[in-house]
Structure formats: C-alpha cells, structure tokens
Amino acid sequence: MLERWNPLAELDRMVDEMNRLAEALTARPRSAVRLATRPATDVYETEDAVVIKLAAPGAKPEDLEVTIEQGTVTIRGRFGYSLSEDEAKKATWYRREIGAGQFAETITLPRPVDADKAEATVADGIVTLVFPKAETARVKRITIQSRAN
C-alpha cells in the first residue's frame, strides 16, 4: 500500500526525536558533561582588577600555562587525576564521574590590565588569575570646585 508523504507528520517526528535527544543530554548532570570538555569559568571585575577563576580539580601549578596578548588571556592545562598502571590493572570501576583531560580557554578581558602585575594561584582545585586594571582603565573622581562670579 502506498502512503502519501506528509511533511507535517515528518516535522512532528523530528521534533519528537529532538526532545528525546534533549532529555538524554539532561539526564546526566550538566556540570559533569561540561567538565569533561573544559573547566567551569567565572570572570568578574572588582574596583581594582579583573579576576578569572577556573574549576580545575587536581591541577598543579606545573600543569598550567597562562599567557596574555593584546587583552586576551589563554589558559592551558590538565585537570583531574589518573591511576598508575598497576592501580588501573587492579581496579574494577563501579562509577566514574570525575572528569580528566586537557583544556585551553581563551578569554577576552573587558578592560585594559597591567599584565606585569598579574598574579596566578591554584588552591583547592580553583585556579585564580588576578589582573590589576591599567591606570587608564580605573575610575578617577574629579573634584568639582565652585567658581565665584
């Protein structure tokens, strides 16, 4: 039996497939999915600096590299952990959710900064980069004086 092609029915089927795919992706915690590809990143500004924080569990200073060029910061590194070969051979996994891998993040800074005075630290799985604002980017208050006529 021949069936006539119905484009609306086909569109309806595609929407159902997309919904099923979206449900499958949200079944896992989104943070775990994101961490598998790159660390979560916060960028904010204080009165004196631009601050970048990355969640990179297990990262050590020797695992990280930070460069800045023309107002763009690039952070490369490794995060997570790995078992030694002996441990891996003896391990029977029941659950494995801690992400591990390499990442490279490029962030355009919202203000000019003084790269020579930048600080980078890593503690408790959080990489913190502090870029003091360049003198030209800081807010300056100008006092208004009264002028007698």
N, C-alpha and C. Protein backbone atom coordinates (compact mmCIF):
# COMPACT_ATOMS: atom_id res chain seq x y z
N MET A 1 0.82 -1.16 0.00
CA MET A 1 0.00 0.00 0.00
C MET A 1 0.88 1.24 0.00
N LEU A 2 0.63 2.18 -0.85
CA LEU A 2 1.36 3.44 -0.91
C LEU A 2 0.79 4.41 0.11
N GLU A 3 1.69 5.11 0.75
CA GLU A 3 1.25 6.11 1.70
C GLU A 3 1.73 7.46 1.23
N ARG A 4 0.92 8.42 1.25
CA ARG A 4 1.25 9.75 0.80
C ARG A 4 2.15 10.43 1.84
N TRP A 5 3.20 11.12 1.37
CA TRP A 5 4.15 11.79 2.26
C TRP A 5 3.49 13.01 2.86
N ASN A 6 3.61 13.11 4.18
CA ASN A 6 3.01 14.24 4.90
C ASN A 6 4.12 15.01 5.59
N PRO A 7 4.49 16.18 5.06
CA PRO A 7 5.61 16.93 5.65
C PRO A 7 5.37 17.33 7.11
N LEU A 8 4.13 17.60 7.50
CA LEU A 8 3.85 17.96 8.89
C LEU A 8 4.07 16.78 9.83
N ALA A 9 3.72 15.58 9.38
CA ALA A 9 3.97 14.39 10.19
C ALA A 9 5.47 14.16 10.34
N GLU A 10 6.24 14.42 9.27
CA GLU A 10 7.70 14.28 9.33
C GLU A 10 8.30 15.30 10.29
N LEU A 11 7.80 16.52 10.26
CA LEU A 11 8.26 17.56 11.17
C LEU A 11 7.95 17.17 12.62
N ASP A 12 6.78 16.62 12.84
CA ASP A 12 6.38 16.17 14.18
C ASP A 12 7.32 15.07 14.68
N ARG A 13 7.70 14.13 13.80
CA ARG A 13 8.62 13.06 14.17
C ARG A 13 9.99 13.63 14.53
N MET A 14 10.45 14.63 13.76
CA MET A 14 11.75 15.24 14.04
C MET A 14 11.74 15.97 15.38
N VAL A 15 10.65 16.64 15.70
CA VAL A 15 10.54 17.33 17.00
C VAL A 15 10.59 16.31 18.13
N ASP A 16 9.91 15.19 17.98
CA ASP A 16 9.95 14.13 18.99
C ASP A 16 11.38 13.62 19.19
N GLU A 17 12.11 13.43 18.09
CA GLU A 17 13.50 12.96 18.18
C GLU A 17 14.37 13.99 18.90
N MET A 18 14.18 15.26 18.59
CA MET A 18 14.97 16.31 19.24
C MET A 18 14.67 16.36 20.74
N ASN A 19 13.41 16.20 21.10
CA ASN A 19 13.04 16.18 22.52
C ASN A 19 13.68 15.00 23.24
N ARG A 20 13.70 13.85 22.58
CA ARG A 20 14.33 12.66 23.17
C ARG A 20 15.82 12.88 23.36
N LEU A 21 16.47 13.50 22.38
CA LEU A 21 17.89 13.80 22.48
C LEU A 21 18.15 14.78 23.62
N ALA A 22 17.33 15.81 23.74
CA ALA A 22 17.50 16.80 24.82
C ALA A 22 17.33 16.14 26.18
N GLU A 23 16.38 15.23 26.33
CA GLU A 23 16.19 14.53 27.60
C GLU A 23 17.39 13.65 27.92
N ALA A 24 17.95 13.01 26.90
CA ALA A 24 19.12 12.16 27.13
C ALA A 24 20.31 12.98 27.60
N LEU A 25 20.49 14.17 27.03
CA LEU A 25 21.61 15.02 27.42
C LEU A 25 21.44 15.59 28.82
N THR A 26 20.22 15.86 29.24
CA THR A 26 20.00 16.44 30.56
C THR A 26 19.88 15.38 31.64
N ALA A 27 19.88 14.11 31.27
CA ALA A 27 19.82 13.05 32.28
C ALA A 27 21.07 13.05 33.14
N ARG A 28 22.23 13.34 32.53
CA ARG A 28 23.48 13.47 33.28
C ARG A 28 23.59 14.89 33.79
N PRO A 29 24.22 15.09 34.93
CA PRO A 29 24.40 16.46 35.41
C PRO A 29 25.18 17.27 34.38
N ARG A 30 24.69 18.47 34.08
CA ARG A 30 25.33 19.29 33.06
C ARG A 30 26.76 19.66 33.44
N SER A 31 27.02 19.83 34.73
CA SER A 31 28.38 20.18 35.13
C SER A 31 29.35 19.06 34.79
N ALA A 32 28.91 17.82 34.92
CA ALA A 32 29.79 16.68 34.58
C ALA A 32 30.05 16.64 33.08
N VAL A 33 29.04 16.94 32.28
CA VAL A 33 29.23 16.96 30.84
C VAL A 33 30.19 18.07 30.45
N ARG A 34 30.02 19.27 31.05
CA ARG A 34 30.88 20.41 30.72
C ARG A 34 32.31 20.17 31.17
N LEU A 35 32.48 19.59 32.38
CA LEU A 35 33.81 19.38 32.91
C LEU A 35 34.60 18.39 32.07
N ALA A 36 33.92 17.49 31.40
CA ALA A 36 34.61 16.53 30.56
C ALA A 36 35.30 17.21 29.39
N THR A 37 34.86 18.41 29.00
CA THR A 37 35.45 19.10 27.87
C THR A 37 36.28 20.29 28.28
N ARG A 38 35.84 21.03 29.29
CA ARG A 38 36.60 22.18 29.77
C ARG A 38 36.09 22.58 31.14
N PRO A 39 36.94 23.25 31.92
CA PRO A 39 36.53 23.60 33.28
C PRO A 39 35.54 24.76 33.30
N ALA A 40 34.69 24.78 34.31
CA ALA A 40 33.78 25.90 34.53
C ALA A 40 34.61 27.13 34.84
N THR A 41 34.19 28.28 34.30
CA THR A 41 34.98 29.50 34.42
C THR A 41 34.11 30.66 34.86
N ASP A 42 34.61 31.47 35.78
CA ASP A 42 33.98 32.72 36.19
C ASP A 42 34.91 33.87 35.83
N VAL A 43 34.35 34.96 35.34
CA VAL A 43 35.13 36.18 35.07
C VAL A 43 34.35 37.33 35.69
N TYR A 44 35.03 38.10 36.55
CA TYR A 44 34.36 39.26 37.15
C TYR A 44 35.36 40.38 37.37
N GLU A 45 34.82 41.54 37.65
CA GLU A 45 35.63 42.74 37.80
C GLU A 45 35.40 43.33 39.18
N THR A 46 36.49 43.75 39.82
CA THR A 46 36.38 44.49 41.08
C THR A 46 36.80 45.93 40.79
N GLU A 47 36.87 46.72 41.81
CA GLU A 47 37.26 48.12 41.61
C GLU A 47 38.67 48.22 41.02
N ASP A 48 39.57 47.30 41.42
CA ASP A 48 40.97 47.41 41.03
C ASP A 48 41.46 46.36 40.05
N ALA A 49 40.66 45.30 39.79
CA ALA A 49 41.20 44.20 38.99
C ALA A 49 40.11 43.47 38.21
N VAL A 50 40.58 42.69 37.23
CA VAL A 50 39.73 41.73 36.54
C VAL A 50 40.18 40.36 37.05
N VAL A 51 39.22 39.53 37.47
CA VAL A 51 39.53 38.25 38.09
C VAL A 51 38.93 37.13 37.26
N ILE A 52 39.72 36.08 37.04
CA ILE A 52 39.25 34.88 36.35
C ILE A 52 39.45 33.71 37.30
N LYS A 53 38.43 32.87 37.45
CA LYS A 53 38.53 31.66 38.28
C LYS A 53 38.09 30.48 37.43
N LEU A 54 38.87 29.41 37.48
CA LEU A 54 38.55 28.17 36.77
C LEU A 54 38.51 27.02 37.76
N ALA A 55 37.54 26.14 37.59
CA ALA A 55 37.48 24.93 38.39
C ALA A 55 38.30 23.87 37.66
N ALA A 56 39.44 23.53 38.23
CA ALA A 56 40.32 22.54 37.62
C ALA A 56 40.80 21.57 38.69
N PRO A 57 39.94 20.63 39.10
CA PRO A 57 40.31 19.72 40.19
C PRO A 57 41.55 18.92 39.85
N GLY A 58 42.44 18.84 40.81
CA GLY A 58 43.66 18.07 40.63
C GLY A 58 44.77 18.79 39.90
N ALA A 59 44.52 19.99 39.40
CA ALA A 59 45.55 20.74 38.67
C ALA A 59 46.63 21.23 39.62
N LYS A 60 47.87 21.13 39.18
CA LYS A 60 49.00 21.63 39.93
C LYS A 60 49.62 22.77 39.12
N PRO A 61 50.38 23.66 39.76
CA PRO A 61 50.98 24.78 39.01
C PRO A 61 51.76 24.34 37.77
N GLU A 62 52.44 23.21 37.85
CA GLU A 62 53.22 22.74 36.69
C GLU A 62 52.33 22.21 35.56
N ASP A 63 51.03 22.00 35.84
CA ASP A 63 50.08 21.53 34.83
C ASP A 63 49.45 22.69 34.05
N LEU A 64 49.74 23.93 34.45
CA LEU A 64 49.04 25.09 33.90
C LEU A 64 49.98 26.05 33.21
N GLU A 65 49.44 26.73 32.19
CA GLU A 65 50.18 27.78 31.48
C GLU A 65 49.22 28.91 31.18
N VAL A 66 49.61 30.14 31.53
CA VAL A 66 48.77 31.31 31.30
C VAL A 66 49.57 32.30 30.46
N THR A 67 48.95 32.77 29.37
CA THR A 67 49.58 33.81 28.54
C THR A 67 48.56 34.91 28.30
N ILE A 68 49.07 36.12 28.08
CA ILE A 68 48.19 37.25 27.77
C ILE A 68 48.80 38.00 26.59
N GLU A 69 47.93 38.31 25.63
CA GLU A 69 48.38 39.05 24.45
C GLU A 69 47.23 39.92 23.97
N GLN A 70 47.48 41.21 23.91
CA GLN A 70 46.51 42.19 23.41
C GLN A 70 45.13 42.03 24.05
N GLY A 71 45.09 41.94 25.36
CA GLY A 71 43.82 41.88 26.07
C GLY A 71 43.11 40.54 26.04
N THR A 72 43.80 39.51 25.57
CA THR A 72 43.22 38.17 25.53
C THR A 72 44.08 37.23 26.37
N VAL A 73 43.44 36.53 27.31
CA VAL A 73 44.13 35.60 28.19
C VAL A 73 43.87 34.18 27.69
N THR A 74 44.92 33.39 27.59
CA THR A 74 44.78 31.98 27.24
C THR A 74 45.31 31.15 28.40
N ILE A 75 44.48 30.22 28.86
CA ILE A 75 44.85 29.33 29.96
C ILE A 75 44.82 27.92 29.41
N ARG A 76 45.95 27.23 29.51
CA ARG A 76 46.04 25.84 29.07
C ARG A 76 46.44 24.99 30.27
N GLY A 77 45.95 23.77 30.28
CA GLY A 77 46.36 22.91 31.38
C GLY A 77 45.71 21.55 31.36
N ARG A 78 46.02 20.80 32.41
CA ARG A 78 45.42 19.48 32.62
C ARG A 78 44.70 19.52 33.95
N PHE A 79 43.63 18.74 34.04
CA PHE A 79 42.90 18.63 35.29
C PHE A 79 42.51 17.18 35.50
N GLY A 80 42.07 16.88 36.72
CA GLY A 80 41.68 15.51 37.05
C GLY A 80 42.85 14.72 37.59
N TYR A 81 42.73 13.42 37.53
CA TYR A 81 43.78 12.55 38.02
C TYR A 81 43.80 11.29 37.16
N SER A 82 44.85 10.53 37.29
CA SER A 82 44.91 9.24 36.61
C SER A 82 45.55 8.23 37.55
N LEU A 83 45.15 6.99 37.41
CA LEU A 83 45.72 5.93 38.22
C LEU A 83 47.04 5.47 37.59
N SER A 84 47.92 4.97 38.42
CA SER A 84 49.14 4.38 37.89
C SER A 84 48.75 3.11 37.12
N GLU A 85 49.65 2.61 36.30
CA GLU A 85 49.34 1.41 35.51
C GLU A 85 48.99 0.23 36.41
N ASP A 86 49.74 0.07 37.51
CA ASP A 86 49.45 -1.03 38.44
C ASP A 86 48.06 -0.89 39.06
N GLU A 87 47.71 0.33 39.49
CA GLU A 87 46.39 0.56 40.08
C GLU A 87 45.29 0.31 39.04
N ALA A 88 45.50 0.80 37.83
CA ALA A 88 44.48 0.65 36.78
C ALA A 88 44.22 -0.82 36.45
N LYS A 89 45.27 -1.64 36.45
CA LYS A 89 45.10 -3.07 36.16
C LYS A 89 44.28 -3.77 37.24
N LYS A 90 44.42 -3.31 38.48
CA LYS A 90 43.73 -3.95 39.60
C LYS A 90 42.35 -3.37 39.87
N ALA A 91 42.01 -2.27 39.21
CA ALA A 91 40.76 -1.56 39.52
C ALA A 91 39.56 -2.17 38.80
N THR A 92 38.45 -2.25 39.51
CA THR A 92 37.16 -2.59 38.93
C THR A 92 36.27 -1.37 39.18
N TRP A 93 35.92 -0.67 38.11
CA TRP A 93 35.15 0.56 38.22
C TRP A 93 33.67 0.26 38.43
N TYR A 94 33.05 0.97 39.37
CA TYR A 94 31.61 0.89 39.59
C TYR A 94 30.94 2.22 39.26
N ARG A 95 31.72 3.26 39.35
CA ARG A 95 31.24 4.59 38.99
C ARG A 95 32.46 5.44 38.65
N ARG A 96 32.35 6.23 37.58
CA ARG A 96 33.47 7.09 37.19
C ARG A 96 32.91 8.39 36.65
N GLU A 97 32.94 9.43 37.47
CA GLU A 97 32.35 10.70 37.10
C GLU A 97 33.32 11.87 37.15
N ILE A 98 34.46 11.69 37.77
CA ILE A 98 35.42 12.78 37.86
C ILE A 98 36.11 12.93 36.50
N GLY A 99 35.91 14.10 35.91
CA GLY A 99 36.49 14.36 34.59
C GLY A 99 37.99 14.55 34.67
N ALA A 100 38.65 14.26 33.60
CA ALA A 100 40.09 14.48 33.50
C ALA A 100 40.41 14.77 32.04
N GLY A 101 41.42 15.56 31.83
CA GLY A 101 41.81 15.84 30.46
C GLY A 101 42.57 17.14 30.36
N GLN A 102 42.73 17.58 29.14
CA GLN A 102 43.42 18.84 28.86
C GLN A 102 42.39 19.87 28.43
N PHE A 103 42.72 21.14 28.66
CA PHE A 103 41.82 22.20 28.25
C PHE A 103 42.62 23.40 27.77
N ALA A 104 41.96 24.25 27.03
CA ALA A 104 42.52 25.53 26.62
C ALA A 104 41.36 26.52 26.56
N GLU A 105 41.42 27.52 27.39
CA GLU A 105 40.38 28.56 27.45
C GLU A 105 40.99 29.88 26.99
N THR A 106 40.28 30.59 26.13
CA THR A 106 40.70 31.91 25.70
C THR A 106 39.61 32.89 26.11
N ILE A 107 40.00 33.93 26.86
CA ILE A 107 39.05 34.89 27.40
C ILE A 107 39.52 36.29 27.05
N THR A 108 38.62 37.07 26.47
CA THR A 108 38.92 38.47 26.18
C THR A 108 38.59 39.28 27.42
N LEU A 109 39.56 40.02 27.89
CA LEU A 109 39.37 40.82 29.11
C LEU A 109 38.51 42.04 28.80
N PRO A 110 37.61 42.40 29.74
CA PRO A 110 36.71 43.53 29.48
C PRO A 110 37.36 44.90 29.62
N ARG A 111 38.54 44.97 30.22
CA ARG A 111 39.24 46.24 30.47
C ARG A 111 40.73 46.06 30.21
N PRO A 112 41.45 47.13 29.91
CA PRO A 112 42.91 47.04 29.84
C PRO A 112 43.47 46.71 31.22
N VAL A 113 44.48 45.83 31.27
CA VAL A 113 45.07 45.42 32.54
C VAL A 113 46.58 45.62 32.50
N ASP A 114 47.19 45.60 33.68
CA ASP A 114 48.64 45.67 33.81
C ASP A 114 49.16 44.24 33.94
N ALA A 115 49.52 43.63 32.82
CA ALA A 115 49.92 42.22 32.79
C ALA A 115 51.16 41.96 33.63
N ASP A 116 52.04 42.96 33.78
CA ASP A 116 53.27 42.77 34.56
C ASP A 116 52.99 42.55 36.05
N LYS A 117 51.84 42.97 36.52
CA LYS A 117 51.50 42.82 37.94
C LYS A 117 50.48 41.71 38.17
N ALA A 118 50.20 40.90 37.16
CA ALA A 118 49.22 39.83 37.28
C ALA A 118 49.69 38.76 38.26
N GLU A 119 48.72 38.12 38.92
CA GLU A 119 49.01 37.04 39.86
C GLU A 119 48.19 35.82 39.47
N ALA A 120 48.79 34.63 39.59
CA ALA A 120 48.10 33.38 39.29
C ALA A 120 48.36 32.40 40.42
N THR A 121 47.29 31.82 40.97
CA THR A 121 47.42 30.85 42.05
C THR A 121 46.47 29.68 41.78
N VAL A 122 46.77 28.56 42.40
CA VAL A 122 45.86 27.41 42.36
C VAL A 122 45.76 26.86 43.78
N ALA A 123 44.52 26.68 44.25
CA ALA A 123 44.28 26.15 45.59
C ALA A 123 42.91 25.48 45.60
N ASP A 124 42.87 24.30 46.19
CA ASP A 124 41.61 23.56 46.35
C ASP A 124 40.87 23.37 45.02
N GLY A 125 41.62 23.16 43.95
CA GLY A 125 41.01 22.90 42.65
C GLY A 125 40.52 24.13 41.91
N ILE A 126 40.80 25.32 42.43
CA ILE A 126 40.39 26.56 41.78
C ILE A 126 41.64 27.34 41.36
N VAL A 127 41.71 27.62 40.06
CA VAL A 127 42.78 28.46 39.53
C VAL A 127 42.27 29.89 39.57
N THR A 128 43.02 30.80 40.20
CA THR A 128 42.61 32.20 40.30
C THR A 128 43.66 33.07 39.62
N LEU A 129 43.20 33.87 38.68
CA LEU A 129 44.05 34.82 37.98
C LEU A 129 43.55 36.22 38.31
N VAL A 130 44.44 37.08 38.79
CA VAL A 130 44.06 38.45 39.14
C VAL A 130 44.90 39.38 38.27
N PHE A 131 44.20 40.18 37.46
CA PHE A 131 44.85 41.14 36.57
C PHE A 131 44.50 42.55 37.04
N PRO A 132 45.47 43.26 37.67
CA PRO A 132 45.17 44.64 38.08
C PRO A 132 44.82 45.48 36.86
N LYS A 133 43.83 46.34 37.02
CA LYS A 133 43.44 47.21 35.92
C LYS A 133 44.58 48.19 35.61
N ALA A 134 44.72 48.49 34.33
CA ALA A 134 45.69 49.50 33.92
C ALA A 134 45.22 50.85 34.47
N GLU A 135 46.14 51.72 34.72
CA GLU A 135 45.80 53.03 35.29
C GLU A 135 44.75 53.75 34.43
N THR A 136 44.82 53.58 33.12
CA THR A 136 43.86 54.25 32.23
C THR A 136 42.46 53.66 32.34
N ALA A 137 42.34 52.44 32.86
CA ALA A 137 41.03 51.79 32.96
C ALA A 137 40.35 52.04 34.31
N ARG A 138 41.07 52.61 35.24
CA ARG A 138 40.50 52.84 36.57
C ARG A 138 39.63 54.10 36.58
N VAL A 139 38.60 54.05 37.39
CA VAL A 139 37.71 55.20 37.52
C VAL A 139 38.41 56.25 38.37
N LYS A 140 38.41 57.46 37.88
CA LYS A 140 39.02 58.55 38.64
C LYS A 140 37.94 59.58 38.95
N ARG A 141 37.94 60.01 40.15
CA ARG A 141 36.96 61.02 40.58
C ARG A 141 37.61 62.40 40.44
N ILE A 142 36.90 63.30 39.82
CA ILE A 142 37.38 64.67 39.64
C ILE A 142 36.55 65.57 40.54
N THR A 143 37.22 66.30 41.38
CA THR A 143 36.53 67.18 42.32
C THR A 143 36.05 68.42 41.57
N ILE A 144 34.80 68.78 41.80
CA ILE A 144 34.22 69.98 41.19
C ILE A 144 34.32 71.11 42.20
N GLN A 145 34.87 72.21 41.77
CA GLN A 145 35.03 73.36 42.64
C GLN A 145 34.07 74.46 42.24
N SER A 146 33.67 75.20 43.21
CA SER A 146 32.78 76.33 42.96
C SER A 146 33.61 77.51 42.49
N ARG A 147 33.08 78.21 41.51
CA ARG A 147 33.80 79.36 40.97
C ARG A 147 32.92 80.60 41.17
N ALA A 148 33.45 81.54 41.86
CA ALA A 148 32.68 82.75 42.15
C ALA A 148 32.67 83.66 40.95
N ASN A 149 31.50 84.27 40.65
CA ASN A 149 31.38 85.22 39.52
C ASN A 149 31.58 86.63 39.97
